[in-house]
C-alpha cells in the first residue's frame, strides 16, 4: 500500500507541476478546442480552450508508475495499453486541431487501431494468464464459497475482450463532455480498480491504476469548471483503454461494468437516442449523451458533474461489495 500511495502522490505532483508549464505551450501553438455548434449553446463560450491536455496527466501517470515499478509483465501491459490508446487519441486530436481536419482520424482508422490493441491484449491474456478465458461473476461468493466463473472459450473471449476495451475507451470519450466529468469519474473508477487489483494480488496493476487516479486528480485542478484545458481524445481514449486493460488483466471485466456504470449509462443513452430517432422519428432525451440532457433541463455543469460523480462512488462501492466471498476475504 505504501508503494501504491507514493505512486498516486507522485503522479498527482508531476501533473500539478506540468499543468502550468504545458498550458502556455498549448495556447501558443493554438491547440484549441473547436466546440460543435449542435451542442448546448452555453458551450460555445468554451471555443478556444486548449485541448490535448491528456498529455499532462498521462505524463504524470507514467512517471508515477515507472518510479515505483516492480517491472512485472501485468503492470507493463496495462501501461502500454493506456499509452497505446492515448497515442490513437493524440493522432486524432493532432489531425483535428493542428491539421484542421475537423473529423480527425476516419472512424474506421480509429476503430482499427483500437481493435488491434484490444485483440493483442486478449490473445496475450489467453495464453499468458492464469485465468485464461474465464470471467469472475460479481456477488457469486454469496451463493457459492469461493465464487463462480463463466468460461467463454477462445473466440467468445476474444470478441468480449475487444468489445469491453474498445467500448470502455469510447464510453469515456462520450462522457468527456463537461468540465471535470470524465476526469472525476475516471479517478473513482481507477481507485476502485486499485482495490480490485490488490484483492486479486495484482499489485503491478494496482500501481498503474493508482498512478492514473493521481493524474486524474491533478488534472482536475485545471479541468474543473470553468476548464482551463480539455483532455481531448488523447486523455479520454487512454483512460478508457487503461481501465479496460486493467479489468482484463485482473479478470474483473464484469466488475468494471458495475464500477464504470456512468460510462455504461452514457453510452446507452446515445444508443437509445439513435435507435428511437431512426425508428420512431422521436428523441427520448433532450440531447445525448445523458449529461447534456440534464444540462438542457436546467442543471448547471457543476451539479451534473457532482451528481454523476456521486453515483460513480455508489457504483464503485457496489462493485467492491461484489468481491465478497470470492476466495480472498
C-alpha atoms as a PDB file:
ATOM      1  CA  UNK A   1       0.000   0.000   0.000  1.00  0.00           C
ATOM      2  CA  UNK A   2       2.912   2.346   0.632  1.00  0.00           C
ATOM      3  CA  UNK A   3       4.119   1.988  -2.948  1.00  0.00           C
ATOM      4  CA  UNK A   4       0.564   2.491  -4.212  1.00  0.00           C
ATOM      5  CA  UNK A   5       0.212   5.684  -2.170  1.00  0.00           C
ATOM      6  CA  UNK A   6       3.580   7.014  -3.344  1.00  0.00           C
ATOM      7  CA  UNK A   7       2.704   6.297  -6.988  1.00  0.00           C
ATOM      8  CA  UNK A   8      -0.595   8.164  -6.567  1.00  0.00           C
ATOM      9  CA  UNK A   9       1.140  11.125  -4.923  1.00  0.00           C
ATOM     10  CA  UNK A  10       3.980  11.212  -7.465  1.00  0.00           C
ATOM     11  CA  UNK A  11       1.551  11.213 -10.380  1.00  0.00           C
ATOM     12  CA  UNK A  12      -0.527  13.927  -8.722  1.00  0.00           C
ATOM     13  CA  UNK A  13       2.544  16.082  -8.059  1.00  0.00           C
ATOM     14  CA  UNK A  14       4.007  15.717 -11.563  1.00  0.00           C
ATOM     15  CA  UNK A  15       0.627  16.574 -13.111  1.00  0.00           C
ATOM     16  CA  UNK A  16       0.259  19.663 -10.917  1.00  0.00           C
ATOM     17  CA  UNK A  17       3.777  20.814 -11.852  1.00  0.00           C
ATOM     18  CA  UNK A  18       3.374  20.139 -15.578  1.00  0.00           C
ATOM     19  CA  UNK A  19      -0.003  21.871 -15.905  1.00  0.00           C
ATOM     20  CA  UNK A  20       1.245  25.474 -15.606  1.00  0.00           C
ATOM     21  CA  UNK A  21       4.223  24.616 -17.857  1.00  0.00           C
ATOM     22  CA  UNK A  22       2.294  22.928 -20.675  1.00  0.00           C
ATOM     23  CA  UNK A  23      -0.825  25.114 -20.760  1.00  0.00           C
ATOM     24  CA  UNK A  24       1.016  28.180 -22.167  1.00  0.00           C
ATOM     25  CA  UNK A  25       2.598  25.949 -24.815  1.00  0.00           C
ATOM     26  CA  UNK A  26      -0.787  24.597 -25.891  1.00  0.00           C
ATOM     27  CA  UNK A  27      -2.144  28.147 -26.099  1.00  0.00           C
ATOM     28  CA  UNK A  28       0.861  29.390 -28.075  1.00  0.00           C
ATOM     29  CA  UNK A  29       0.602  26.513 -30.530  1.00  0.00           C
ATOM     30  CA  UNK A  30      -3.149  27.215 -30.752  1.00  0.00           C
ATOM     31  CA  UNK A  31      -4.026  23.632 -29.846  1.00  0.00           C
ATOM     32  CA  UNK A  32      -7.532  24.801 -29.019  1.00  0.00           C
ATOM     33  CA  UNK A  33     -10.934  23.168 -28.862  1.00  0.00           C
ATOM     34  CA  UNK A  34     -13.483  23.693 -31.612  1.00  0.00           C
ATOM     35  CA  UNK A  35     -16.873  23.411 -29.926  1.00  0.00           C
ATOM     36  CA  UNK A  36     -19.598  21.763 -32.014  1.00  0.00           C
ATOM     37  CA  UNK A  37     -22.436  24.101 -32.973  1.00  0.00           C
ATOM     38  CA  UNK A  38     -25.021  21.343 -32.445  1.00  0.00           C
ATOM     39  CA  UNK A  39     -24.164  21.038 -28.752  1.00  0.00           C
ATOM     40  CA  UNK A  40     -25.586  23.099 -25.867  1.00  0.00           C
ATOM     41  CA  UNK A  41     -25.393  26.819 -26.709  1.00  0.00           C
ATOM     42  CA  UNK A  42     -23.564  27.662 -23.477  1.00  0.00           C
ATOM     43  CA  UNK A  43     -20.629  25.520 -24.625  1.00  0.00           C
ATOM     44  CA  UNK A  44     -19.837  27.913 -27.480  1.00  0.00           C
ATOM     45  CA  UNK A  45     -18.047  30.152 -24.992  1.00  0.00           C
ATOM     46  CA  UNK A  46     -15.533  27.342 -24.480  1.00  0.00           C
ATOM     47  CA  UNK A  47     -14.256  27.736 -28.039  1.00  0.00           C
ATOM     48  CA  UNK A  48     -10.511  28.376 -27.945  1.00  0.00           C
ATOM     49  CA  UNK A  49      -9.874  26.462 -24.710  1.00  0.00           C
ATOM     50  CA  UNK A  50      -6.643  24.440 -25.092  1.00  0.00           C
ATOM     51  CA  UNK A  51      -7.127  20.728 -25.698  1.00  0.00           C
ATOM     52  CA  UNK A  52      -4.878  17.646 -25.891  1.00  0.00           C
ATOM     53  CA  UNK A  53      -4.344  18.142 -22.152  1.00  0.00           C
ATOM     54  CA  UNK A  54      -4.365  14.380 -21.689  1.00  0.00           C
ATOM     55  CA  UNK A  55      -0.595  14.508 -22.228  1.00  0.00           C
ATOM     56  CA  UNK A  56      -0.328  16.263 -18.853  1.00  0.00           C
ATOM     57  CA  UNK A  57      -1.837  13.540 -16.659  1.00  0.00           C
ATOM     58  CA  UNK A  58      -0.523  10.718 -18.858  1.00  0.00           C
ATOM     59  CA  UNK A  59       2.989  12.013 -18.224  1.00  0.00           C
ATOM     60  CA  UNK A  60       2.204  12.125 -14.524  1.00  0.00           C
ATOM     61  CA  UNK A  61       0.725   8.622 -14.533  1.00  0.00           C
ATOM     62  CA  UNK A  62       3.659   7.204 -16.483  1.00  0.00           C
ATOM     63  CA  UNK A  63       6.125   8.848 -14.111  1.00  0.00           C
ATOM     64  CA  UNK A  64       4.285   7.542 -11.050  1.00  0.00           C
ATOM     65  CA  UNK A  65       4.230   4.035 -12.486  1.00  0.00           C
ATOM     66  CA  UNK A  66       7.856   3.866 -13.611  1.00  0.00           C
ATOM     67  CA  UNK A  67       9.122   5.497 -10.430  1.00  0.00           C
ATOM     68  CA  UNK A  68       7.739   2.635  -8.307  1.00  0.00           C
ATOM     69  CA  UNK A  69       7.656  -0.047 -10.983  1.00  0.00           C
ATOM     70  CA  UNK A  70       8.168  -3.665  -9.994  1.00  0.00           C
ATOM     71  CA  UNK A  71       8.680  -4.408 -13.702  1.00  0.00           C
ATOM     72  CA  UNK A  72       6.150  -7.228 -13.724  1.00  0.00           C
ATOM     73  CA  UNK A  73       4.512  -8.092 -17.020  1.00  0.00           C
ATOM     74  CA  UNK A  74       0.933  -7.300 -15.957  1.00  0.00           C
ATOM     75  CA  UNK A  75       1.967  -3.809 -14.919  1.00  0.00           C
ATOM     76  CA  UNK A  76       3.715  -3.091 -18.210  1.00  0.00           C
ATOM     77  CA  UNK A  77       0.857  -4.496 -20.286  1.00  0.00           C
ATOM     78  CA  UNK A  78      -1.680  -2.141 -18.678  1.00  0.00           C
ATOM     79  CA  UNK A  79       0.668   0.843 -19.040  1.00  0.00           C
ATOM     80  CA  UNK A  80       1.367   0.041 -22.703  1.00  0.00           C
ATOM     81  CA  UNK A  81      -2.355  -0.318 -23.411  1.00  0.00           C
ATOM     82  CA  UNK A  82      -3.055   3.015 -21.718  1.00  0.00           C
ATOM     83  CA  UNK A  83      -0.392   4.806 -23.731  1.00  0.00           C
ATOM     84  CA  UNK A  84      -1.346   2.938 -26.910  1.00  0.00           C
ATOM     85  CA  UNK A  85      -4.939   4.150 -26.757  1.00  0.00           C
ATOM     86  CA  UNK A  86      -3.611   7.581 -25.785  1.00  0.00           C
ATOM     87  CA  UNK A  87      -1.466   7.606 -28.927  1.00  0.00           C
ATOM     88  CA  UNK A  88      -4.501   6.902 -31.098  1.00  0.00           C
ATOM     89  CA  UNK A  89      -6.290   9.780 -29.392  1.00  0.00           C
ATOM     90  CA  UNK A  90      -3.253  12.050 -29.799  1.00  0.00           C
ATOM     91  CA  UNK A  91      -3.098  11.385 -33.537  1.00  0.00           C
ATOM     92  CA  UNK A  92      -6.829  12.070 -33.792  1.00  0.00           C
ATOM     93  CA  UNK A  93      -6.503  15.325 -31.836  1.00  0.00           C
ATOM     94  CA  UNK A  94      -3.458  16.390 -33.859  1.00  0.00           C
ATOM     95  CA  UNK A  95      -5.289  15.927 -37.147  1.00  0.00           C
ATOM     96  CA  UNK A  96      -8.320  17.845 -35.876  1.00  0.00           C
ATOM     97  CA  UNK A  97      -6.524  20.646 -34.083  1.00  0.00           C
ATOM     98  CA  UNK A  98      -3.258  21.125 -35.957  1.00  0.00           C
ATOM     99  CA  UNK A  99      -4.075  19.932 -39.460  1.00  0.00           C
ATOM    100  CA  UNK A 100      -7.574  21.442 -39.205  1.00  0.00           C
ATOM    101  CA  UNK A 101      -9.331  18.301 -40.462  1.00  0.00           C
ATOM    102  CA  UNK A 102     -12.476  18.610 -38.361  1.00  0.00           C
ATOM    103  CA  UNK A 103     -13.303  14.901 -38.139  1.00  0.00           C
ATOM    104  CA  UNK A 104      -9.769  13.809 -37.243  1.00  0.00           C
ATOM    105  CA  UNK A 105      -8.996  10.167 -37.938  1.00  0.00           C
ATOM    106  CA  UNK A 106     -11.616   8.414 -40.005  1.00  0.00           C
ATOM    107  CA  UNK A 107     -13.874   6.240 -37.866  1.00  0.00           C
ATOM    108  CA  UNK A 108     -12.600   3.036 -39.457  1.00  0.00           C
ATOM    109  CA  UNK A 109      -8.980   4.088 -38.906  1.00  0.00           C
ATOM    110  CA  UNK A 110      -9.567   4.879 -35.254  1.00  0.00           C
ATOM    111  CA  UNK A 111     -11.558   1.672 -34.725  1.00  0.00           C
ATOM    112  CA  UNK A 112      -8.904  -0.436 -36.473  1.00  0.00           C
ATOM    113  CA  UNK A 113      -6.188   0.784 -34.115  1.00  0.00           C
ATOM    114  CA  UNK A 114      -8.346   0.202 -31.052  1.00  0.00           C
ATOM    115  CA  UNK A 115      -9.401  -3.287 -32.137  1.00  0.00           C
ATOM    116  CA  UNK A 116      -5.796  -4.174 -32.940  1.00  0.00           C
ATOM    117  CA  UNK A 117      -4.619  -3.185 -29.448  1.00  0.00           C
ATOM    118  CA  UNK A 118      -7.534  -4.893 -27.708  1.00  0.00           C
ATOM    119  CA  UNK A 119      -7.069  -8.073 -29.751  1.00  0.00           C
ATOM    120  CA  UNK A 120      -3.399  -8.200 -28.820  1.00  0.00           C
ATOM    121  CA  UNK A 121      -4.353  -7.860 -25.163  1.00  0.00           C
ATOM    122  CA  UNK A 122      -6.959 -10.639 -25.432  1.00  0.00           C
ATOM    123  CA  UNK A 123      -4.536 -13.017 -27.133  1.00  0.00           C
ATOM    124  CA  UNK A 124      -1.832 -12.294 -24.558  1.00  0.00           C
ATOM    125  CA  UNK A 125      -4.311 -12.857 -21.733  1.00  0.00           C
ATOM    126  CA  UNK A 126      -5.499 -16.179 -23.163  1.00  0.00           C
ATOM    127  CA  UNK A 127      -2.026 -17.646 -23.437  1.00  0.00           C
ATOM    128  CA  UNK A 128      -0.118 -15.975 -20.597  1.00  0.00           C
ATOM    129  CA  UNK A 129      -2.537 -15.544 -17.707  1.00  0.00           C
ATOM    130  CA  UNK A 130      -3.795 -17.907 -15.030  1.00  0.00           C
ATOM    131  CA  UNK A 131      -7.459 -17.033 -15.600  1.00  0.00           C
ATOM    132  CA  UNK A 132      -7.367 -17.937 -19.292  1.00  0.00           C
ATOM    133  CA  UNK A 133     -10.745 -17.319 -20.901  1.00  0.00           C
ATOM    134  CA  UNK A 134     -12.915 -17.265 -17.777  1.00  0.00           C
ATOM    135  CA  UNK A 135     -14.628 -14.342 -16.053  1.00  0.00           C
ATOM    136  CA  UNK A 136     -15.382 -13.856 -12.362  1.00  0.00           C
ATOM    137  CA  UNK A 137     -19.053 -13.330 -11.585  1.00  0.00           C
ATOM    138  CA  UNK A 138     -19.732 -10.495  -9.102  1.00  0.00           C
ATOM    139  CA  UNK A 139     -21.613 -11.476  -5.933  1.00  0.00           C
ATOM    140  CA  UNK A 140     -21.356 -15.180  -6.784  1.00  0.00           C
ATOM    141  CA  UNK A 141     -19.464 -15.639  -3.498  1.00  0.00           C
ATOM    142  CA  UNK A 142     -22.765 -15.093  -1.727  1.00  0.00           C
ATOM    143  CA  UNK A 143     -24.102 -18.224  -3.422  1.00  0.00           C
ATOM    144  CA  UNK A 144     -21.064 -20.480  -3.722  1.00  0.00           C
ATOM    145  CA  UNK A 145     -17.992 -20.397  -1.445  1.00  0.00           C
ATOM    146  CA  UNK A 146     -15.092 -19.056  -3.492  1.00  0.00           C
ATOM    147  CA  UNK A 147     -17.465 -17.679  -6.104  1.00  0.00           C
ATOM    148  CA  UNK A 148     -18.223 -18.782  -9.650  1.00  0.00           C
ATOM    149  CA  UNK A 149     -16.654 -18.175 -13.031  1.00  0.00           C
ATOM    150  CA  UNK A 150     -18.034 -18.375 -16.521  1.00  0.00           C
ATOM    151  CA  UNK A 151     -15.869 -19.992 -19.190  1.00  0.00           C
ATOM    152  CA  UNK A 152     -16.183 -18.260 -22.561  1.00  0.00           C
ATOM    153  CA  UNK A 153     -13.802 -20.196 -24.749  1.00  0.00           C
ATOM    154  CA  UNK A 154     -11.258 -18.596 -27.085  1.00  0.00           C
ATOM    155  CA  UNK A 155     -13.397 -16.960 -29.742  1.00  0.00           C
ATOM    156  CA  UNK A 156     -16.104 -15.640 -27.457  1.00  0.00           C
ATOM    157  CA  UNK A 157     -13.475 -14.373 -25.009  1.00  0.00           C
ATOM    158  CA  UNK A 158     -11.641 -12.581 -27.832  1.00  0.00           C
ATOM    159  CA  UNK A 159     -14.852 -10.910 -29.005  1.00  0.00           C
ATOM    160  CA  UNK A 160     -15.895  -9.977 -25.467  1.00  0.00           C
ATOM    161  CA  UNK A 161     -12.483  -8.510 -24.593  1.00  0.00           C
ATOM    162  CA  UNK A 162     -12.351  -6.397 -27.740  1.00  0.00           C
ATOM    163  CA  UNK A 163     -15.916  -5.224 -27.112  1.00  0.00           C
ATOM    164  CA  UNK A 164     -15.159  -4.340 -23.491  1.00  0.00           C
ATOM    165  CA  UNK A 165     -11.876  -2.493 -24.027  1.00  0.00           C
ATOM    166  CA  UNK A 166     -12.900  -0.640 -27.187  1.00  0.00           C
ATOM    167  CA  UNK A 167     -16.321   0.059 -25.704  1.00  0.00           C
ATOM    168  CA  UNK A 168     -14.838   1.439 -22.485  1.00  0.00           C
ATOM    169  CA  UNK A 169     -12.419   3.690 -24.380  1.00  0.00           C
ATOM    170  CA  UNK A 170     -15.226   5.193 -26.423  1.00  0.00           C
ATOM    171  CA  UNK A 171     -17.566   5.359 -23.418  1.00  0.00           C
ATOM    172  CA  UNK A 172     -15.080   7.551 -21.546  1.00  0.00           C
ATOM    173  CA  UNK A 173     -14.743   9.616 -24.710  1.00  0.00           C
ATOM    174  CA  UNK A 174     -18.524  10.143 -24.790  1.00  0.00           C
ATOM    175  CA  UNK A 175     -18.527  11.090 -21.105  1.00  0.00           C
ATOM    176  CA  UNK A 176     -15.885  13.753 -21.686  1.00  0.00           C
ATOM    177  CA  UNK A 177     -18.408  16.498 -22.446  1.00  0.00           C
ATOM    178  CA  UNK A 178     -18.438  18.633 -19.295  1.00  0.00           C
ATOM    179  CA  UNK A 179     -15.659  20.284 -17.330  1.00  0.00           C
ATOM    180  CA  UNK A 180     -14.191  17.755 -14.925  1.00  0.00           C
ATOM    181  CA  UNK A 181     -16.704  14.998 -15.652  1.00  0.00           C
ATOM    182  CA  UNK A 182     -14.539  12.346 -17.315  1.00  0.00           C
ATOM    183  CA  UNK A 183     -11.546  13.068 -15.076  1.00  0.00           C
ATOM    184  CA  UNK A 184     -13.572  12.906 -11.856  1.00  0.00           C
ATOM    185  CA  UNK A 185     -15.493   9.777 -12.751  1.00  0.00           C
ATOM    186  CA  UNK A 186     -12.373   8.048 -14.107  1.00  0.00           C
ATOM    187  CA  UNK A 187     -10.447   8.837 -10.917  1.00  0.00           C
ATOM    188  CA  UNK A 188     -13.015   6.998  -8.787  1.00  0.00           C
ATOM    189  CA  UNK A 189     -13.238   4.075 -11.204  1.00  0.00           C
ATOM    190  CA  UNK A 190      -9.436   3.800 -11.243  1.00  0.00           C
ATOM    191  CA  UNK A 191      -9.356   3.780  -7.437  1.00  0.00           C
ATOM    192  CA  UNK A 192     -11.969   1.028  -7.497  1.00  0.00           C
ATOM    193  CA  UNK A 193      -9.718  -0.942  -9.835  1.00  0.00           C
ATOM    194  CA  UNK A 194      -6.825  -0.395  -7.399  1.00  0.00           C
ATOM    195  CA  UNK A 195      -8.816  -2.163  -4.687  1.00  0.00           C
ATOM    196  CA  UNK A 196      -9.821  -4.993  -7.014  1.00  0.00           C
ATOM    197  CA  UNK A 197      -6.240  -5.484  -8.220  1.00  0.00           C
ATOM    198  CA  UNK A 198      -4.940  -5.605  -4.646  1.00  0.00           C
ATOM    199  CA  UNK A 199      -7.682  -8.057  -3.709  1.00  0.00           C
ATOM    200  CA  UNK A 200      -6.572 -10.306  -6.583  1.00  0.00           C
ATOM    201  CA  UNK A 201      -2.855  -9.963  -5.756  1.00  0.00           C
ATOM    202  CA  UNK A 202      -2.115  -7.935  -8.899  1.00  0.00           C
ATOM    203  CA  UNK A 203      -0.065  -5.209  -7.230  1.00  0.00           C
ATOM    204  CA  UNK A 204       1.504  -4.098 -10.511  1.00  0.00           C
ATOM    205  CA  UNK A 205      -1.906  -3.333 -11.981  1.00  0.00           C
ATOM    206  CA  UNK A 206      -2.880  -1.535  -8.777  1.00  0.00           C
ATOM    207  CA  UNK A 207       0.230   0.631  -9.160  1.00  0.00           C
ATOM    208  CA  UNK A 208      -0.749   1.728 -12.675  1.00  0.00           C
ATOM    209  CA  UNK A 209      -4.331   2.420 -11.648  1.00  0.00           C
ATOM    210  CA  UNK A 210      -3.204   4.451  -8.613  1.00  0.00           C
ATOM    211  CA  UNK A 211      -0.932   6.497 -10.868  1.00  0.00           C
ATOM    212  CA  UNK A 212      -3.784   7.050 -13.311  1.00  0.00           C
ATOM    213  CA  UNK A 213      -6.076   8.120 -10.463  1.00  0.00           C
ATOM    214  CA  UNK A 214      -3.459  10.547  -9.153  1.00  0.00           C
ATOM    215  CA  UNK A 215      -3.050  12.017 -12.620  1.00  0.00           C
ATOM    216  CA  UNK A 216      -6.808  12.485 -12.947  1.00  0.00           C
ATOM    217  CA  UNK A 217      -6.977  14.264  -9.587  1.00  0.00           C
ATOM    218  CA  UNK A 218      -4.140  16.577 -10.589  1.00  0.00           C
ATOM    219  CA  UNK A 219      -5.772  17.261 -13.949  1.00  0.00           C
ATOM    220  CA  UNK A 220      -8.996  18.266 -12.207  1.00  0.00           C
ATOM    221  CA  UNK A 221      -7.217  21.368 -10.885  1.00  0.00           C
ATOM    222  CA  UNK A 222      -7.041  22.601 -14.485  1.00  0.00           C
ATOM    223  CA  UNK A 223     -10.096  20.871 -15.942  1.00  0.00           C
ATOM    224  CA  UNK A 224     -12.729  21.686 -13.324  1.00  0.00           C
ATOM    225  CA  UNK A 225     -15.350  24.273 -14.252  1.00  0.00           C
ATOM    226  CA  UNK A 226     -14.514  26.664 -15.830  1.00  0.00           C
ATOM    227  CA  UNK A 227     -11.937  24.464 -17.546  1.00  0.00           C
ATOM    228  CA  UNK A 228      -8.549  25.890 -18.473  1.00  0.00           C
ATOM    229  CA  UNK A 229      -7.794  22.831 -20.602  1.00  0.00           C
ATOM    230  CA  UNK A 230      -9.587  19.796 -22.034  1.00  0.00           C
ATOM    231  CA  UNK A 231      -8.122  16.303 -22.097  1.00  0.00           C
ATOM    232  CA  UNK A 232      -9.143  15.629 -25.702  1.00  0.00           C
ATOM    233  CA  UNK A 233      -9.215  12.159 -27.219  1.00  0.00           C
ATOM    234  CA  UNK A 234      -5.599  11.883 -26.054  1.00  0.00           C
ATOM    235  CA  UNK A 235      -6.808  11.616 -22.483  1.00  0.00           C
ATOM    236  CA  UNK A 236     -10.247  10.046 -22.781  1.00  0.00           C
ATOM    237  CA  UNK A 237      -9.220   7.125 -25.004  1.00  0.00           C
ATOM    238  CA  UNK A 238      -6.179   6.486 -22.787  1.00  0.00           C
ATOM    239  CA  UNK A 239      -8.332   6.409 -19.649  1.00  0.00           C
ATOM    240  CA  UNK A 240     -10.876   4.026 -21.144  1.00  0.00           C
ATOM    241  CA  UNK A 241      -8.250   1.789 -22.689  1.00  0.00           C
ATOM    242  CA  UNK A 242      -6.273   1.660 -19.442  1.00  0.00           C
ATOM    243  CA  UNK A 243      -9.308   0.848 -17.307  1.00  0.00           C
ATOM    244  CA  UNK A 244     -10.408  -1.845 -19.747  1.00  0.00           C
ATOM    245  CA  UNK A 245      -6.917  -3.354 -19.832  1.00  0.00           C
ATOM    246  CA  UNK A 246      -6.732  -3.417 -16.033  1.00  0.00           C
ATOM    247  CA  UNK A 247     -10.038  -5.267 -15.880  1.00  0.00           C
ATOM    248  CA  UNK A 248      -8.906  -7.829 -18.468  1.00  0.00           C
ATOM    249  CA  UNK A 249      -5.543  -8.478 -16.832  1.00  0.00           C
ATOM    250  CA  UNK A 250      -7.182  -8.975 -13.426  1.00  0.00           C
ATOM    251  CA  UNK A 251     -10.085 -10.999 -14.842  1.00  0.00           C
ATOM    252  CA  UNK A 252     -12.536  -8.496 -13.361  1.00  0.00           C
ATOM    253  CA  UNK A 253     -14.256  -7.392 -16.567  1.00  0.00           C
ATOM    254  CA  UNK A 254     -17.765  -7.741 -15.151  1.00  0.00           C
ATOM    255  CA  UNK A 255     -16.788  -5.713 -12.084  1.00  0.00           C
ATOM    256  CA  UNK A 256     -15.615  -2.843 -14.311  1.00  0.00           C
ATOM    257  CA  UNK A 257     -19.040  -2.755 -15.945  1.00  0.00           C
ATOM    258  CA  UNK A 258     -20.563  -2.206 -12.496  1.00  0.00           C
ATOM    259  CA  UNK A 259     -17.975   0.284 -11.228  1.00  0.00           C
ATOM    260  CA  UNK A 260     -17.974   2.163 -14.520  1.00  0.00           C
ATOM    261  CA  UNK A 261     -21.768   2.319 -14.509  1.00  0.00           C
ATOM    262  CA  UNK A 262     -21.810   6.005 -15.507  1.00  0.00           C
ATOM    263  CA  UNK A 263     -19.817   5.196 -18.639  1.00  0.00           C
ATOM    264  CA  UNK A 264     -22.281   2.429 -19.473  1.00  0.00           C
ATOM    265  CA  UNK A 265     -25.295   4.687 -18.879  1.00  0.00           C
ATOM    266  CA  UNK A 266     -23.827   7.492 -21.003  1.00  0.00           C
ATOM    267  CA  UNK A 267     -23.238   5.066 -23.875  1.00  0.00           C
ATOM    268  CA  UNK A 268     -26.687   3.514 -23.586  1.00  0.00           C
ATOM    269  CA  UNK A 269     -28.266   6.974 -23.713  1.00  0.00           C
ATOM    270  CA  UNK A 270     -26.635   7.564 -27.102  1.00  0.00           C
ATOM    271  CA  UNK A 271     -27.697   4.157 -28.413  1.00  0.00           C
ATOM    272  CA  UNK A 272     -31.287   4.640 -27.200  1.00  0.00           C
ATOM    273  CA  UNK A 273     -31.432   8.128 -28.699  1.00  0.00           C
ATOM    274  CA  UNK A 274     -30.207   6.959 -32.109  1.00  0.00           C
ATOM    275  CA  UNK A 275     -32.482   3.911 -32.254  1.00  0.00           C
ATOM    276  CA  UNK A 276     -35.528   5.909 -31.145  1.00  0.00           C
ATOM    277  CA  UNK A 277     -34.939   8.674 -33.673  1.00  0.00           C
ATOM    278  CA  UNK A 278     -34.303   6.287 -36.544  1.00  0.00           C
ATOM    279  CA  UNK A 279     -37.262   4.005 -35.820  1.00  0.00           C
ATOM    280  CA  UNK A 280     -39.848   6.437 -34.418  1.00  0.00           C
ATOM    281  CA  UNK A 281     -38.557   9.832 -35.504  1.00  0.00           C
ATOM    282  CA  UNK A 282     -38.644  10.946 -31.862  1.00  0.00           C
ATOM    283  CA  UNK A 283     -35.945  11.646 -29.291  1.00  0.00           C
ATOM    284  CA  UNK A 284     -36.036  10.124 -25.820  1.00  0.00           C
ATOM    285  CA  UNK A 285     -33.625  12.673 -24.341  1.00  0.00           C
ATOM    286  CA  UNK A 286     -33.313  16.396 -24.966  1.00  0.00           C
ATOM    287  CA  UNK A 287     -29.790  15.599 -26.108  1.00  0.00           C
ATOM    288  CA  UNK A 288     -27.370  12.724 -25.720  1.00  0.00           C
ATOM    289  CA  UNK A 289     -25.078  11.699 -24.084  1.00  0.00           C
ATOM    290  CA  UNK A 290     -27.111  11.870 -20.907  1.00  0.00           C
ATOM    291  CA  UNK A 291     -25.130  14.680 -19.262  1.00  0.00           C
ATOM    292  CA  UNK A 292     -26.332  17.047 -21.993  1.00  0.00           C
ATOM    293  CA  UNK A 293     -29.943  16.072 -21.276  1.00  0.00           C
ATOM    294  CA  UNK A 294     -29.595  17.295 -17.713  1.00  0.00           C
ATOM    295  CA  UNK A 295     -27.828  20.442 -18.897  1.00  0.00           C
ATOM    296  CA  UNK A 296     -30.713  21.310 -21.190  1.00  0.00           C
ATOM    297  CA  UNK A 297     -33.103  20.519 -18.347  1.00  0.00           C
ATOM    298  CA  UNK A 298     -31.630  23.464 -16.473  1.00  0.00           C
ATOM    299  CA  UNK A 299     -28.882  21.846 -14.416  1.00  0.00           C
ATOM    300  CA  UNK A 300     -25.572  23.667 -14.140  1.00  0.00           C
ATOM    301  CA  UNK A 301     -22.357  21.890 -15.128  1.00  0.00           C
ATOM    302  CA  UNK A 302     -21.159  21.541 -11.554  1.00  0.00           C
ATOM    303  CA  UNK A 303     -24.444  19.973 -10.476  1.00  0.00           C
ATOM    304  CA  UNK A 304     -24.308  17.401 -13.264  1.00  0.00           C
ATOM    305  CA  UNK A 305     -20.659  16.581 -12.567  1.00  0.00           C
ATOM    306  CA  UNK A 306     -21.158  16.240  -8.812  1.00  0.00           C
ATOM    307  CA  UNK A 307     -24.258  14.067  -9.307  1.00  0.00           C
ATOM    308  CA  UNK A 308     -22.556  11.750 -11.770  1.00  0.00           C
ATOM    309  CA  UNK A 309     -19.502  11.558  -9.516  1.00  0.00           C
ATOM    310  CA  UNK A 310     -21.673  10.669  -6.512  1.00  0.00           C
ATOM    311  CA  UNK A 311     -23.328   7.889  -8.499  1.00  0.00           C
ATOM    312  CA  UNK A 312     -19.879   6.640  -9.536  1.00  0.00           C
ATOM    313  CA  UNK A 313     -18.885   6.424  -5.880  1.00  0.00           C
ATOM    314  CA  UNK A 314     -22.019   4.371  -5.217  1.00  0.00           C
ATOM    315  CA  UNK A 315     -21.339   2.110  -8.220  1.00  0.00           C
ATOM    316  CA  UNK A 316     -17.761   1.635  -7.023  1.00  0.00           C
ATOM    317  CA  UNK A 317     -18.882   0.555  -3.557  1.00  0.00           C
ATOM    318  CA  UNK A 318     -21.405  -1.857  -5.063  1.00  0.00           C
ATOM    319  CA  UNK A 319     -18.741  -3.310  -7.355  1.00  0.00           C
ATOM    320  CA  UNK A 320     -16.312  -3.801  -4.488  1.00  0.00           C
ATOM    321  CA  UNK A 321     -19.038  -5.455  -2.435  1.00  0.00           C
ATOM    322  CA  UNK A 322     -19.361  -7.964  -5.275  1.00  0.00           C
ATOM    323  CA  UNK A 323     -15.909  -9.309  -4.336  1.00  0.00           C
ATOM    324  CA  UNK A 324     -17.235 -10.689  -1.064  1.00  0.00           C
ATOM    325  CA  UNK A 325     -16.719 -14.422  -0.733  1.00  0.00           C
ATOM    326  CA  UNK A 326     -14.563 -14.805  -3.857  1.00  0.00           C
ATOM    327  CA  UNK A 327     -11.784 -16.554  -2.003  1.00  0.00           C
ATOM    328  CA  UNK A 328      -9.615 -13.729  -0.696  1.00  0.00           C
ATOM    329  CA  UNK A 329     -11.848 -12.262   2.010  1.00  0.00           C
END
